[in-house]
Structures are given as C-alpha cells and as structure tokens.
PDB file of N, CA and C in Angstrom:
ATOM      1  N   MET A   1      24.445 -11.547   3.738  1.00  0.00           N
ATOM      2  CA  MET A   1      23.083 -11.154   3.415  1.00  0.00           C
ATOM      3  C   MET A   1      22.706 -11.714   2.043  1.00  0.00           C
ATOM      4  N   ALA A   2      21.612 -12.402   1.979  1.00  0.00           N
ATOM      5  CA  ALA A   2      21.146 -12.983   0.724  1.00  0.00           C
ATOM      6  C   ALA A   2      20.557 -11.895  -0.169  1.00  0.00           C
ATOM      7  N   THR A   3      20.795 -12.031  -1.453  1.00  0.00           N
ATOM      8  CA  THR A   3      20.196 -11.078  -2.380  1.00  0.00           C
ATOM      9  C   THR A   3      18.774 -11.506  -2.670  1.00  0.00           C
ATOM     10  N   SER A   4      17.919 -10.539  -2.892  1.00  0.00           N
ATOM     11  CA  SER A   4      16.527 -10.869  -3.181  1.00  0.00           C
ATOM     12  C   SER A   4      16.369 -11.183  -4.665  1.00  0.00           C
ATOM     13  N   SER A   5      15.301 -11.859  -4.973  1.00  0.00           N
ATOM     14  CA  SER A   5      15.022 -12.186  -6.366  1.00  0.00           C
ATOM     15  C   SER A   5      14.681 -10.902  -7.115  1.00  0.00           C
ATOM     16  N   PRO A   6      14.780 -10.927  -8.429  1.00  0.00           N
ATOM     17  CA  PRO A   6      14.404  -9.743  -9.199  1.00  0.00           C
ATOM     18  C   PRO A   6      12.968  -9.298  -8.920  1.00  0.00           C
ATOM     19  N   LEU A   7      12.076 -10.254  -8.691  1.00  0.00           N
ATOM     20  CA  LEU A   7      10.687  -9.905  -8.415  1.00  0.00           C
ATOM     21  C   LEU A   7      10.544  -9.171  -7.086  1.00  0.00           C
ATOM     22  N   PHE A   8      11.222  -9.652  -6.042  1.00  0.00           N
ATOM     23  CA  PHE A   8      11.133  -8.992  -4.744  1.00  0.00           C
ATOM     24  C   PHE A   8      11.783  -7.608  -4.791  1.00  0.00           C
ATOM     25  N   ALA A   9      12.895  -7.481  -5.501  1.00  0.00           N
ATOM     26  CA  ALA A   9      13.545  -6.176  -5.648  1.00  0.00           C
ATOM     27  C   ALA A   9      12.612  -5.210  -6.389  1.00  0.00           C
ATOM     28  N   PHE A  10      11.963  -5.699  -7.425  1.00  0.00           N
ATOM     29  CA  PHE A  10      10.993  -4.904  -8.184  1.00  0.00           C
ATOM     30  C   PHE A  10       9.845  -4.465  -7.271  1.00  0.00           C
ATOM     31  N   ALA A  11       9.290  -5.398  -6.522  1.00  0.00           N
ATOM     32  CA  ALA A  11       8.159  -5.089  -5.647  1.00  0.00           C
ATOM     33  C   ALA A  11       8.539  -4.058  -4.592  1.00  0.00           C
ATOM     34  N   ASP A  12       9.711  -4.216  -3.989  1.00  0.00           N
ATOM     35  CA  ASP A  12      10.159  -3.239  -2.993  1.00  0.00           C
ATOM     36  C   ASP A  12      10.260  -1.843  -3.588  1.00  0.00           C
ATOM     37  N   ARG A  13      10.838  -1.759  -4.778  1.00  0.00           N
ATOM     38  CA  ARG A  13      10.997  -0.454  -5.433  1.00  0.00           C
ATOM     39  C   ARG A  13       9.646   0.150  -5.813  1.00  0.00           C
ATOM     40  N   ILE A  14       8.760  -0.662  -6.344  1.00  0.00           N
ATOM     41  CA  ILE A  14       7.442  -0.175  -6.771  1.00  0.00           C
ATOM     42  C   ILE A  14       6.657   0.336  -5.568  1.00  0.00           C
ATOM     43  N   ILE A  15       6.715  -0.367  -4.455  1.00  0.00           N
ATOM     44  CA  ILE A  15       6.005   0.091  -3.255  1.00  0.00           C
ATOM     45  C   ILE A  15       6.553   1.440  -2.797  1.00  0.00           C
ATOM     46  N   ASP A  16       7.870   1.593  -2.814  1.00  0.00           N
ATOM     47  CA  ASP A  16       8.468   2.876  -2.437  1.00  0.00           C
ATOM     48  C   ASP A  16       8.015   3.996  -3.377  1.00  0.00           C
ATOM     49  N   GLU A  17       8.015   3.710  -4.663  1.00  0.00           N
ATOM     50  CA  GLU A  17       7.598   4.721  -5.640  1.00  0.00           C
ATOM     51  C   GLU A  17       6.119   5.063  -5.490  1.00  0.00           C
ATOM     52  N   GLN A  18       5.282   4.052  -5.273  1.00  0.00           N
ATOM     53  CA  GLN A  18       3.857   4.297  -5.070  1.00  0.00           C
ATOM     54  C   GLN A  18       3.615   5.140  -3.828  1.00  0.00           C
ATOM     55  N   ALA A  19       4.358   4.862  -2.781  1.00  0.00           N
ATOM     56  CA  ALA A  19       4.207   5.634  -1.547  1.00  0.00           C
ATOM     57  C   ALA A  19       4.506   7.105  -1.790  1.00  0.00           C
ATOM     58  N   ALA A  20       5.542   7.382  -2.559  1.00  0.00           N
ATOM     59  CA  ALA A  20       5.898   8.768  -2.857  1.00  0.00           C
ATOM     60  C   ALA A  20       4.820   9.447  -3.708  1.00  0.00           C
ATOM     61  N   LEU A  21       4.192   8.696  -4.595  1.00  0.00           N
ATOM     62  CA  LEU A  21       3.149   9.253  -5.459  1.00  0.00           C
ATOM     63  C   LEU A  21       1.798   9.365  -4.750  1.00  0.00           C
ATOM     64  N   ASP A  22       1.598   8.583  -3.705  1.00  0.00           N
ATOM     65  CA  ASP A  22       0.321   8.578  -2.978  1.00  0.00           C
ATOM     66  C   ASP A  22       0.583   8.511  -1.472  1.00  0.00           C
ATOM     67  N   PRO A  23       1.019   9.627  -0.882  1.00  0.00           N
ATOM     68  CA  PRO A  23       1.338   9.625   0.543  1.00  0.00           C
ATOM     69  C   PRO A  23       0.155   9.249   1.429  1.00  0.00           C
ATOM     70  N   CYS A  24      -1.055   9.648   1.061  1.00  0.00           N
ATOM     71  CA  CYS A  24      -2.222   9.286   1.875  1.00  0.00           C
ATOM     72  C   CYS A  24      -2.421   7.770   1.870  1.00  0.00           C
ATOM     73  N   GLY A  25      -2.275   7.162   0.716  1.00  0.00           N
ATOM     74  CA  GLY A  25      -2.379   5.716   0.621  1.00  0.00           C
ATOM     75  C   GLY A  25      -1.264   5.027   1.389  1.00  0.00           C
ATOM     76  N   ALA A  26      -0.068   5.589   1.325  1.00  0.00           N
ATOM     77  CA  ALA A  26       1.060   5.019   2.059  1.00  0.00           C
ATOM     78  C   ALA A  26       0.788   5.036   3.556  1.00  0.00           C
ATOM     79  N   THR A  27       0.286   6.142   4.044  1.00  0.00           N
ATOM     80  CA  THR A  27      -0.033   6.240   5.466  1.00  0.00           C
ATOM     81  C   THR A  27      -1.104   5.217   5.830  1.00  0.00           C
ATOM     82  N   GLY A  28      -2.107   5.070   4.994  1.00  0.00           N
ATOM     83  CA  GLY A  28      -3.171   4.093   5.234  1.00  0.00           C
ATOM     84  C   GLY A  28      -2.656   2.666   5.248  1.00  0.00           C
ATOM     85  N   ARG A  29      -1.597   2.403   4.483  1.00  0.00           N
ATOM     86  CA  ARG A  29      -1.012   1.056   4.449  1.00  0.00           C
ATOM     87  C   ARG A  29       0.049   0.868   5.519  1.00  0.00           C
ATOM     88  N   GLY A  30       0.288   1.902   6.317  1.00  0.00           N
ATOM     89  CA  GLY A  30       1.235   1.784   7.413  1.00  0.00           C
ATOM     90  C   GLY A  30       2.681   2.007   7.037  1.00  0.00           C
ATOM     91  N   ILE A  31       2.919   2.641   5.903  1.00  0.00           N
ATOM     92  CA  ILE A  31       4.290   2.934   5.484  1.00  0.00           C
ATOM     93  C   ILE A  31       4.715   4.228   6.154  1.00  0.00           C
ATOM     94  N   ALA A  32       5.734   4.138   6.955  1.00  0.00           N
ATOM     95  CA  ALA A  32       6.179   5.295   7.744  1.00  0.00           C
ATOM     96  C   ALA A  32       6.799   6.383   6.870  1.00  0.00           C
ATOM     97  N   GLY A  33       6.666   7.619   7.349  1.00  0.00           N
ATOM     98  CA  GLY A  33       7.338   8.738   6.712  1.00  0.00           C
ATOM     99  C   GLY A  33       6.493   9.572   5.767  1.00  0.00           C
ATOM    100  N   TYR A  34       5.223   9.247   5.627  1.00  0.00           N
ATOM    101  CA  TYR A  34       4.378   9.971   4.681  1.00  0.00           C
ATOM    102  C   TYR A  34       3.180  10.645   5.347  1.00  0.00           C
ATOM    103  N   ASP A  35       3.047  10.516   6.665  1.00  0.00           N
ATOM    104  CA  ASP A  35       1.855  11.001   7.347  1.00  0.00           C
ATOM    105  C   ASP A  35       1.755  12.523   7.387  1.00  0.00           C
ATOM    106  N   HIS A  36       2.794  13.226   7.005  1.00  0.00           N
ATOM    107  CA  HIS A  36       2.751  14.686   6.983  1.00  0.00           C
ATOM    108  C   HIS A  36       2.530  15.233   5.571  1.00  0.00           C
ATOM    109  N   LEU A  37       2.326  14.345   4.597  1.00  0.00           N
ATOM    110  CA  LEU A  37       2.170  14.745   3.198  1.00  0.00           C
ATOM    111  C   LEU A  37       0.766  14.424   2.695  1.00  0.00           C
ATOM    112  N   LEU A  38       0.377  15.095   1.630  1.00  0.00           N
ATOM    113  CA  LEU A  38      -0.911  14.831   0.988  1.00  0.00           C
ATOM    114  C   LEU A  38      -0.688  14.349  -0.439  1.00  0.00           C
ATOM    115  N   THR A  39      -1.592  13.524  -0.916  1.00  0.00           N
ATOM    116  CA  THR A  39      -1.559  13.040  -2.290  1.00  0.00           C
ATOM    117  C   THR A  39      -1.972  14.156  -3.238  1.00  0.00           C
ATOM    118  N   ASP A  40      -1.294  14.235  -4.368  1.00  0.00           N
ATOM    119  CA  ASP A  40      -1.636  15.199  -5.410  1.00  0.00           C
ATOM    120  C   ASP A  40      -2.780  14.611  -6.237  1.00  0.00           C
ATOM    121  N   TRP A  41      -3.986  15.150  -6.036  1.00  0.00           N
ATOM    122  CA  TRP A  41      -5.153  14.652  -6.764  1.00  0.00           C
ATOM    123  C   TRP A  41      -5.452  15.467  -8.012  1.00  0.00           C
ATOM    124  N   SER A  42      -4.537  16.356  -8.403  1.00  0.00           N
ATOM    125  CA  SER A  42      -4.719  17.141  -9.625  1.00  0.00           C
ATOM    126  C   SER A  42      -4.606  16.216 -10.838  1.00  0.00           C
ATOM    127  N   PRO A  43      -4.988  16.707 -12.005  1.00  0.00           N
ATOM    128  CA  PRO A  43      -4.809  15.891 -13.212  1.00  0.00           C
ATOM    129  C   PRO A  43      -3.354  15.441 -13.407  1.00  0.00           C
ATOM    130  N   ASP A  44      -2.393  16.291 -13.087  1.00  0.00           N
ATOM    131  CA  ASP A  44      -0.985  15.894 -13.220  1.00  0.00           C
ATOM    132  C   ASP A  44      -0.634  14.753 -12.263  1.00  0.00           C
ATOM    133  N   GLY A  45      -1.133  14.819 -11.046  1.00  0.00           N
ATOM    134  CA  GLY A  45      -0.890  13.748 -10.091  1.00  0.00           C
ATOM    135  C   GLY A  45      -1.533  12.445 -10.527  1.00  0.00           C
ATOM    136  N   GLN A  46      -2.743  12.542 -11.043  1.00  0.00           N
ATOM    137  CA  GLN A  46      -3.439  11.343 -11.555  1.00  0.00           C
ATOM    138  C   GLN A  46      -2.654  10.734 -12.709  1.00  0.00           C
ATOM    139  N   ARG A  47      -2.176  11.588 -13.618  1.00  0.00           N
ATOM    140  CA  ARG A  47      -1.391  11.097 -14.760  1.00  0.00           C
ATOM    141  C   ARG A  47      -0.101  10.428 -14.290  1.00  0.00           C
ATOM    142  N   ALA A  48       0.555  11.015 -13.305  1.00  0.00           N
ATOM    143  CA  ALA A  48       1.807  10.445 -12.795  1.00  0.00           C
ATOM    144  C   ALA A  48       1.577   9.051 -12.220  1.00  0.00           C
ATOM    145  N   ARG A  49       0.500   8.874 -11.463  1.00  0.00           N
ATOM    146  CA  ARG A  49       0.206   7.557 -10.895  1.00  0.00           C
ATOM    147  C   ARG A  49      -0.174   6.555 -11.991  1.00  0.00           C
ATOM    148  N   ALA A  50      -0.932   6.994 -12.973  1.00  0.00           N
ATOM    149  CA  ALA A  50      -1.313   6.097 -14.071  1.00  0.00           C
ATOM    150  C   ALA A  50      -0.086   5.688 -14.881  1.00  0.00           C
ATOM    151  N   GLU A  51       0.795   6.635 -15.154  1.00  0.00           N
ATOM    152  CA  GLU A  51       2.009   6.329 -15.908  1.00  0.00           C
ATOM    153  C   GLU A  51       2.911   5.385 -15.115  1.00  0.00           C
ATOM    154  N   HIS A  52       2.986   5.593 -13.823  1.00  0.00           N
ATOM    155  CA  HIS A  52       3.782   4.700 -12.983  1.00  0.00           C
ATOM    156  C   HIS A  52       3.239   3.275 -13.064  1.00  0.00           C
ATOM    157  N   THR A  53       1.934   3.122 -13.018  1.00  0.00           N
ATOM    158  CA  THR A  53       1.324   1.793 -13.122  1.00  0.00           C
ATOM    159  C   THR A  53       1.628   1.168 -14.476  1.00  0.00           C
ATOM    160  N   ARG A  54       1.525   1.947 -15.548  1.00  0.00           N
ATOM    161  CA  ARG A  54       1.817   1.419 -16.884  1.00  0.00           C
ATOM    162  C   ARG A  54       3.274   0.959 -16.982  1.00  0.00           C
ATOM    163  N   ARG A  55       4.199   1.782 -16.490  1.00  0.00           N
ATOM    164  CA  ARG A  55       5.622   1.416 -16.540  1.00  0.00           C
ATOM    165  C   ARG A  55       5.900   0.166 -15.707  1.00  0.00           C
ATOM    166  N   ALA A  56       5.264   0.078 -14.548  1.00  0.00           N
ATOM    167  CA  ALA A  56       5.474  -1.083 -13.679  1.00  0.00           C
ATOM    168  C   ALA A  56       4.963  -2.360 -14.346  1.00  0.00           C
ATOM    169  N   ARG A  57       3.812  -2.283 -14.967  1.00  0.00           N
ATOM    170  CA  ARG A  57       3.264  -3.474 -15.633  1.00  0.00           C
ATOM    171  C   ARG A  57       4.152  -3.909 -16.784  1.00  0.00           C
ATOM    172  N   THR A  58       4.676  -2.951 -17.537  1.00  0.00           N
ATOM    173  CA  THR A  58       5.572  -3.281 -18.640  1.00  0.00           C
ATOM    174  C   THR A  58       6.860  -3.901 -18.120  1.00  0.00           C
ATOM    175  N   GLU A  59       7.419  -3.304 -17.071  1.00  0.00           N
ATOM    176  CA  GLU A  59       8.651  -3.840 -16.490  1.00  0.00           C
ATOM    177  C   GLU A  59       8.434  -5.228 -15.900  1.00  0.00           C
ATOM    178  N   LEU A  60       7.315  -5.449 -15.276  1.00  0.00           N
ATOM    179  CA  LEU A  60       7.022  -6.750 -14.685  1.00  0.00           C
ATOM    180  C   LEU A  60       7.080  -7.855 -15.727  1.00  0.00           C
ATOM    181  N   ASP A  61       6.616  -7.559 -16.927  1.00  0.00           N
ATOM    182  CA  ASP A  61       6.645  -8.561 -18.009  1.00  0.00           C
ATOM    183  C   ASP A  61       8.069  -8.924 -18.430  1.00  0.00           C
ATOM    184  N   THR A  62       9.040  -8.077 -18.112  1.00  0.00           N
ATOM    185  CA  THR A  62      10.422  -8.350 -18.540  1.00  0.00           C
ATOM    186  C   THR A  62      11.224  -9.110 -17.488  1.00  0.00           C
ATOM    187  N   LEU A  63      10.680  -9.269 -16.291  1.00  0.00           N
ATOM    188  CA  LEU A  63      11.429  -9.931 -15.229  1.00  0.00           C
ATOM    189  C   LEU A  63      11.584 -11.419 -15.518  1.00  0.00           C
ATOM    190  N   PRO A  64      12.726 -11.971 -15.149  1.00  0.00           N
ATOM    191  CA  PRO A  64      12.923 -13.404 -15.384  1.00  0.00           C
ATOM    192  C   PRO A  64      11.986 -14.246 -14.514  1.00  0.00           C
ATOM    193  N   ILE A  65      11.566 -15.355 -15.054  1.00  0.00           N
ATOM    194  CA  ILE A  65      10.724 -16.271 -14.305  1.00  0.00           C
ATOM    195  C   ILE A  65      11.636 -17.136 -13.441  1.00  0.00           C
ATOM    196  N   THR A  66      11.369 -17.101 -12.147  1.00  0.00           N
ATOM    197  CA  THR A  66      12.152 -17.907 -11.211  1.00  0.00           C
ATOM    198  C   THR A  66      11.197 -18.754 -10.391  1.00  0.00           C
ATOM    199  N   ASN A  67      11.736 -19.449  -9.419  1.00  0.00           N
ATOM    200  CA  ASN A  67      10.875 -20.298  -8.606  1.00  0.00           C
ATOM    201  C   ASN A  67      10.020 -19.427  -7.731  1.00  0.00           C
TER     202      ASN A  67
END
C-alpha cells in the first residue's frame, strides 16, 4: 500500500474533523455515519468550527511542498 502525501493525509484528517464538528454538513456532502446527528449551532459550536479552521490553515502552511 502506497503512503499518501502529507497534503492528502492532512486533507483526509481535516475532512473527518469537519464532519464531526458539522454533522449536518457531512450528511449533505455524503459522508456516512452522521445522518443521525445535528450540528451544534450554539456560540460554542461556532467557536469550535472557527478555531478548527484557523488551526487547519496554520497547519497547512507548515506542510512540505511536493509535486
């Protein structure tokens, strides 16, 4: 089995994390396993999603540049 690039590994992880933070969005995107859950639209839920985006953008800048 070939290993994925750091970018693909990052993307896979971020999608999984986003799905957990936004189950309604995950269901809309066809990601299985979230159709019985609801997204937390409270201020805490909004903050969690915003913080996740900030961390992901910062981490993305640290990934090695490959082909």
